[in-house]
C-alpha atoms as a PDB file:
ATOM      1  CA  MET A   1       0.033   0.005   0.009  1.00  0.00           C
ATOM      2  CA  LYS A   2       1.358   3.568  -0.901  1.00  0.00           C
ATOM      3  CA  LYS A   3      -0.075   6.687   0.417  1.00  0.00           C
ATOM      4  CA  ILE A   4      -0.835   9.050  -2.460  1.00  0.00           C
ATOM      5  CA  LYS A   5       0.571  12.590  -1.731  1.00  0.00           C
ATOM      6  CA  ASN A   6      -1.407  15.637  -2.547  1.00  0.00           C
ATOM      7  CA  PRO A   7       0.870  17.458  -4.862  1.00  0.00           C
ATOM      8  CA  TYR A   8      -1.222  20.658  -4.886  1.00  0.00           C
ATOM      9  CA  LEU A   9      -1.001  21.535  -1.140  1.00  0.00           C
ATOM     10  CA  ASN A  10       1.383  24.457  -1.736  1.00  0.00           C
ATOM     11  CA  LEU A  11      -0.585  26.106  -4.550  1.00  0.00           C
ATOM     12  CA  GLU A  12      -1.947  29.410  -3.403  1.00  0.00           C
ATOM     13  CA  THR A  13      -5.274  29.028  -5.282  1.00  0.00           C
ATOM     14  CA  TYR A  14      -5.838  25.358  -4.428  1.00  0.00           C
ATOM     15  CA  ASN A  15      -9.317  25.014  -2.776  1.00  0.00           C
ATOM     16  CA  CYS A  16     -10.713  21.852  -4.146  1.00  0.00           C
ATOM     17  CA  PHE A  17     -14.061  20.809  -2.477  1.00  0.00           C
ATOM     18  CA  GLY A  18     -13.059  17.166  -2.654  1.00  0.00           C
ATOM     19  CA  CYS A  19      -9.488  17.073  -1.517  1.00  0.00           C
ATOM     20  CA  SER A  20      -8.149  20.369  -0.224  1.00  0.00           C
ATOM     21  CA  PRO A  21      -7.497  20.252   3.632  1.00  0.00           C
ATOM     22  CA  LYS A  22      -7.902  24.088   3.579  1.00  0.00           C
ATOM     23  CA  ASN A  23     -11.407  24.204   2.272  1.00  0.00           C
ATOM     24  CA  PRO A  24     -13.551  24.814   5.377  1.00  0.00           C
ATOM     25  CA  ILE A  25     -16.718  23.128   3.888  1.00  0.00           C
ATOM     26  CA  GLY A  26     -14.840  20.498   1.837  1.00  0.00           C
ATOM     27  CA  LEU A  27     -14.579  16.729   2.135  1.00  0.00           C
ATOM     28  CA  HIS A  28     -10.775  16.707   2.913  1.00  0.00           C
ATOM     29  CA  LEU A  29     -10.276  13.371   1.174  1.00  0.00           C
ATOM     30  CA  SER A  30      -7.017  11.539   0.893  1.00  0.00           C
ATOM     31  CA  PHE A  31      -6.088   8.267  -0.780  1.00  0.00           C
ATOM     32  CA  VAL A  32      -3.804   5.229  -0.908  1.00  0.00           C
ATOM     33  CA  LEU A  33      -2.880   2.994  -3.795  1.00  0.00           C
ATOM     34  CA  GLU A  34      -3.388  -0.758  -3.174  1.00  0.00           C
ATOM     35  CA  GLY A  35      -2.279  -2.707  -6.228  1.00  0.00           C
ATOM     36  CA  ASP A  36      -4.267  -1.326  -9.083  1.00  0.00           C
ATOM     37  CA  GLU A  37      -6.964   0.193  -6.862  1.00  0.00           C
ATOM     38  CA  VAL A  38      -7.220   3.591  -5.235  1.00  0.00           C
ATOM     39  CA  ILE A  39      -8.866   3.552  -1.820  1.00  0.00           C
ATOM     40  CA  GLY A  40     -10.160   6.164   0.385  1.00  0.00           C
ATOM     41  CA  LYS A  41     -11.923   6.332   3.754  1.00  0.00           C
ATOM     42  CA  TRP A  42     -14.356   9.028   4.784  1.00  0.00           C
ATOM     43  CA  THR A  43     -16.861   9.569   7.625  1.00  0.00           C
ATOM     44  CA  PRO A  44     -20.025  11.358   6.463  1.00  0.00           C
ATOM     45  CA  THR A  45     -21.556  13.980   8.745  1.00  0.00           C
ATOM     46  CA  HIS A  46     -24.982  15.520   8.803  1.00  0.00           C
ATOM     47  CA  ASP A  47     -23.560  18.555   6.971  1.00  0.00           C
ATOM     48  CA  TYR A  48     -23.669  16.436   3.807  1.00  0.00           C
ATOM     49  CA  GLU A  49     -27.222  14.887   4.396  1.00  0.00           C
ATOM     50  CA  GLY A  50     -30.045  14.781   1.839  1.00  0.00           C
ATOM     51  CA  TRP A  51     -32.858  13.264   3.708  1.00  0.00           C
ATOM     52  CA  HIS A  52     -32.569  12.542   7.470  1.00  0.00           C
ATOM     53  CA  ASN A  53     -29.485  10.470   8.144  1.00  0.00           C
ATOM     54  CA  ILE A  54     -28.870   9.681   4.346  1.00  0.00           C
ATOM     55  CA  LEU A  55     -25.882  10.963   2.544  1.00  0.00           C
ATOM     56  CA  HIS A  56     -26.951  13.223  -0.318  1.00  0.00           C
ATOM     57  CA  GLY A  57     -26.767  11.603  -3.720  1.00  0.00           C
ATOM     58  CA  GLY A  58     -24.896  14.599  -5.180  1.00  0.00           C
ATOM     59  CA  ILE A  59     -22.256  14.203  -2.537  1.00  0.00           C
ATOM     60  CA  GLN A  60     -21.985  10.460  -3.436  1.00  0.00           C
ATOM     61  CA  ALA A  61     -21.445  11.500  -7.068  1.00  0.00           C
ATOM     62  CA  THR A  62     -18.772  13.994  -5.956  1.00  0.00           C
ATOM     63  CA  LEU A  63     -16.965  11.375  -3.781  1.00  0.00           C
ATOM     64  CA  MET A  64     -16.800   9.003  -6.701  1.00  0.00           C
ATOM     65  CA  ASP A  65     -15.721  11.651  -9.160  1.00  0.00           C
ATOM     66  CA  GLU A  66     -13.009  12.736  -6.782  1.00  0.00           C
ATOM     67  CA  ILE A  67     -11.553   9.323  -6.254  1.00  0.00           C
ATOM     68  CA  ALA A  68     -11.716   8.729 -10.046  1.00  0.00           C
ATOM     69  CA  SER A  69      -9.601  11.873 -10.517  1.00  0.00           C
ATOM     70  CA  TRP A  70      -7.036  10.465  -8.083  1.00  0.00           C
ATOM     71  CA  ALA A  71      -6.972   7.156 -10.033  1.00  0.00           C
ATOM     72  CA  VAL A  72      -6.028   9.146 -13.119  1.00  0.00           C
ATOM     73  CA  LEU A  73      -3.273  10.957 -11.120  1.00  0.00           C
ATOM     74  CA  SER A  74      -1.839   7.925  -9.465  1.00  0.00           C
ATOM     75  CA  LEU A  75      -2.386   5.123 -12.116  1.00  0.00           C
ATOM     76  CA  LEU A  76      -1.903   7.175 -15.285  1.00  0.00           C
ATOM     77  CA  LYS A  77       0.463   9.771 -13.828  1.00  0.00           C
ATOM     78  CA  THR A  78      -1.370  12.649 -15.419  1.00  0.00           C
ATOM     79  CA  SER A  79      -4.396  15.044 -15.045  1.00  0.00           C
ATOM     80  CA  GLY A  80      -7.656  15.345 -16.835  1.00  0.00           C
ATOM     81  CA  PHE A  81     -11.242  16.229 -16.398  1.00  0.00           C
ATOM     82  CA  THR A  82     -14.597  14.397 -16.229  1.00  0.00           C
ATOM     83  CA  VAL A  83     -16.511  14.103 -19.521  1.00  0.00           C
ATOM     84  CA  LYS A  84     -18.968  11.543 -18.569  1.00  0.00           C
ATOM     85  CA  MET A  85     -20.426   9.857 -15.398  1.00  0.00           C
ATOM     86  CA  ASN A  86     -22.797   7.179 -15.017  1.00  0.00           C
ATOM     87  CA  ILE A  87     -23.749   6.456 -11.390  1.00  0.00           C
ATOM     88  CA  LYS A  88     -26.099   4.057  -9.668  1.00  0.00           C
ATOM     89  CA  LEU A  89     -27.346   4.496  -6.133  1.00  0.00           C
ATOM     90  CA  HIS A  90     -28.205   0.985  -4.940  1.00  0.00           C
ATOM     91  CA  LYS A  91     -28.633   1.455  -1.271  1.00  0.00           C
ATOM     92  CA  ASN A  92     -28.849   4.566   1.084  1.00  0.00           C
ATOM     93  CA  VAL A  93     -25.592   5.533   2.712  1.00  0.00           C
ATOM     94  CA  LEU A  94     -26.590   6.051   6.301  1.00  0.00           C
ATOM     95  CA  ILE A  95     -24.607   8.694   8.152  1.00  0.00           C
ATOM     96  CA  SER A  96     -25.179   6.809  11.424  1.00  0.00           C
ATOM     97  CA  ASP A  97     -23.313   3.806   9.962  1.00  0.00           C
ATOM     98  CA  GLY A  98     -20.038   5.810  10.144  1.00  0.00           C
ATOM     99  CA  GLU A  99     -16.979   5.405   7.901  1.00  0.00           C
ATOM    100  CA  ILE A 100     -17.467   4.515   4.288  1.00  0.00           C
ATOM    101  CA  THR A 101     -14.851   3.157   1.847  1.00  0.00           C
ATOM    102  CA  LEU A 102     -14.333   4.612  -1.640  1.00  0.00           C
ATOM    103  CA  LYS A 103     -12.668   2.524  -4.363  1.00  0.00           C
ATOM    104  CA  ALA A 104     -11.579   3.298  -7.908  1.00  0.00           C
ATOM    105  CA  LYS A 105      -9.746   1.464 -10.677  1.00  0.00           C
ATOM    106  CA  LEU A 106      -8.941   1.945 -14.237  1.00  0.00           C
ATOM    107  CA  ILE A 107     -10.930  -0.347 -16.387  1.00  0.00           C
ATOM    108  CA  HIS A 108     -10.185   0.981 -19.880  1.00  0.00           C
ATOM    109  CA  LYS A 109      -7.952   3.510 -21.661  1.00  0.00           C
ATOM    110  CA  LYS A 110      -8.199   4.424 -25.362  1.00  0.00           C
ATOM    111  CA  MET A 111      -6.256   7.307 -26.566  1.00  0.00           C
ATOM    112  CA  ASN A 112      -7.028  10.275 -24.264  1.00  0.00           C
ATOM    113  CA  LEU A 113     -10.122   8.749 -22.693  1.00  0.00           C
ATOM    114  CA  ALA A 114      -9.753   6.841 -19.383  1.00  0.00           C
ATOM    115  CA  THR A 115     -12.702   4.913 -17.900  1.00  0.00           C
ATOM    116  CA  ILE A 116     -12.653   4.506 -14.151  1.00  0.00           C
ATOM    117  CA  GLU A 117     -14.973   2.239 -12.071  1.00  0.00           C
ATOM    118  CA  THR A 118     -15.896   3.625  -8.660  1.00  0.00           C
ATOM    119  CA  GLN A 119     -17.629   2.289  -5.578  1.00  0.00           C
ATOM    120  CA  ILE A 120     -18.994   3.519  -2.240  1.00  0.00           C
ATOM    121  CA  ILE A 121     -18.979   0.692   0.324  1.00  0.00           C
ATOM    122  CA  ASN A 122     -20.598   1.099   3.805  1.00  0.00           C
ATOM    123  CA  SER A 123     -19.286  -0.094   7.134  1.00  0.00           C
ATOM    124  CA  LYS A 124     -21.234  -3.372   6.649  1.00  0.00           C
ATOM    125  CA  ASN A 125     -19.159  -3.992   3.422  1.00  0.00           C
ATOM    126  CA  GLU A 126     -22.242  -3.478   1.187  1.00  0.00           C
ATOM    127  CA  ILE A 127     -21.820  -1.659  -2.140  1.00  0.00           C
ATOM    128  CA  CYS A 128     -24.131   1.305  -1.728  1.00  0.00           C
ATOM    129  CA  SER A 129     -23.245   3.277  -4.945  1.00  0.00           C
ATOM    130  CA  ASP A 130     -21.130   2.615  -7.997  1.00  0.00           C
ATOM    131  CA  GLY A 131     -20.160   4.685 -11.006  1.00  0.00           C
ATOM    132  CA  GLU A 132     -18.338   4.704 -14.351  1.00  0.00           C
ATOM    133  CA  TYR A 133     -16.460   7.916 -14.908  1.00  0.00           C
ATOM    134  CA  VAL A 134     -14.836   8.836 -18.259  1.00  0.00           C
ATOM    135  CA  TYR A 135     -11.924  11.205 -18.055  1.00  0.00           C
ATOM    136  CA  TYR A 136     -10.222  13.133 -20.868  1.00  0.00           C
ATOM    137  CA  THR A 137      -6.563  12.836 -19.956  1.00  0.00           C
ATOM    138  CA  TYR A 138      -3.745  15.099 -20.912  1.00  0.00           C
ATOM    139  CA  PRO A 139      -0.238  14.154 -22.108  1.00  0.00           C
ATOM    140  CA  GLN A 140       2.043  14.649 -19.067  1.00  0.00           C
ATOM    141  CA  ASP A 141       3.770  17.746 -20.498  1.00  0.00           C
ATOM    142  CA  LYS A 142       0.286  19.433 -20.834  1.00  0.00           C
ATOM    143  CA  ALA A 143      -0.799  18.231 -17.346  1.00  0.00           C
ATOM    144  CA  ARG A 144       2.317  19.883 -15.978  1.00  0.00           C
ATOM    145  CA  GLU A 145       1.701  23.196 -17.886  1.00  0.00           C
ATOM    146  CA  LEU A 146      -2.023  23.467 -17.318  1.00  0.00           C
ATOM    147  CA  PHE A 147      -2.539  21.777 -13.929  1.00  0.00           C
ATOM    148  CA  HIS A 148       0.858  21.909 -12.120  1.00  0.00           C
ATOM    149  CA  PHE A 149       1.072  18.125 -12.309  1.00  0.00           C
ATOM    150  CA  PRO A 150       4.278  16.976 -10.566  1.00  0.00           C
ATOM    151  CA  GLU A 151       7.255  15.931 -12.703  1.00  0.00           C
ATOM    152  CA  ASP A 152       8.655  13.309 -10.417  1.00  0.00           C
ATOM    153  CA  GLU A 153       6.762  10.231  -9.156  1.00  0.00           C
ATOM    154  CA  ALA A 154       8.346  10.934  -5.685  1.00  0.00           C
ATOM    155  CA  ASP A 155       5.977  13.883  -5.546  1.00  0.00           C
ATOM    156  CA  ILE A 156       2.971  11.552  -5.972  1.00  0.00           C
ATOM    157  CA  PHE A 157       3.629   8.688  -3.556  1.00  0.00           C
ATOM    158  CA  GLU A 158       5.086   8.643  -0.007  1.00  0.00           C
ATOM    159  CA  HIS A 159       7.659   6.018   0.435  1.00  0.00           C
END
């Protein structure tokens, strides 16, 4: 297992809702790489509730989109943006159940399009939501130029 570093922490304008630890209303996500899968843990609070005690569906989509982007970063070593998402909400994510697990893995890459499979799993190990996210990915030189993507793999993983 490798902890994925957040290479954007020192950017002055970095305020991502999903992963910036500085965003006061953000999700403050962080991730690890286990084999070919990106994993995250997160504990929902009532701040992100839709109906009473149920994690809002839009937040679930955001969680899966965020981990998909970190799969692009860590598995493909580049940046990109979401061009398509297809999500299924199978079972309510109950806030009272506590910590959830997020998972993502690359299932297909053709030219600049990467397809990432995502899941939200509750504390009872039940898949509550899953999604397929398609990302347009940039060549590494463009990712560095446009998105401050790190040049060195040592800036992506903690060793």
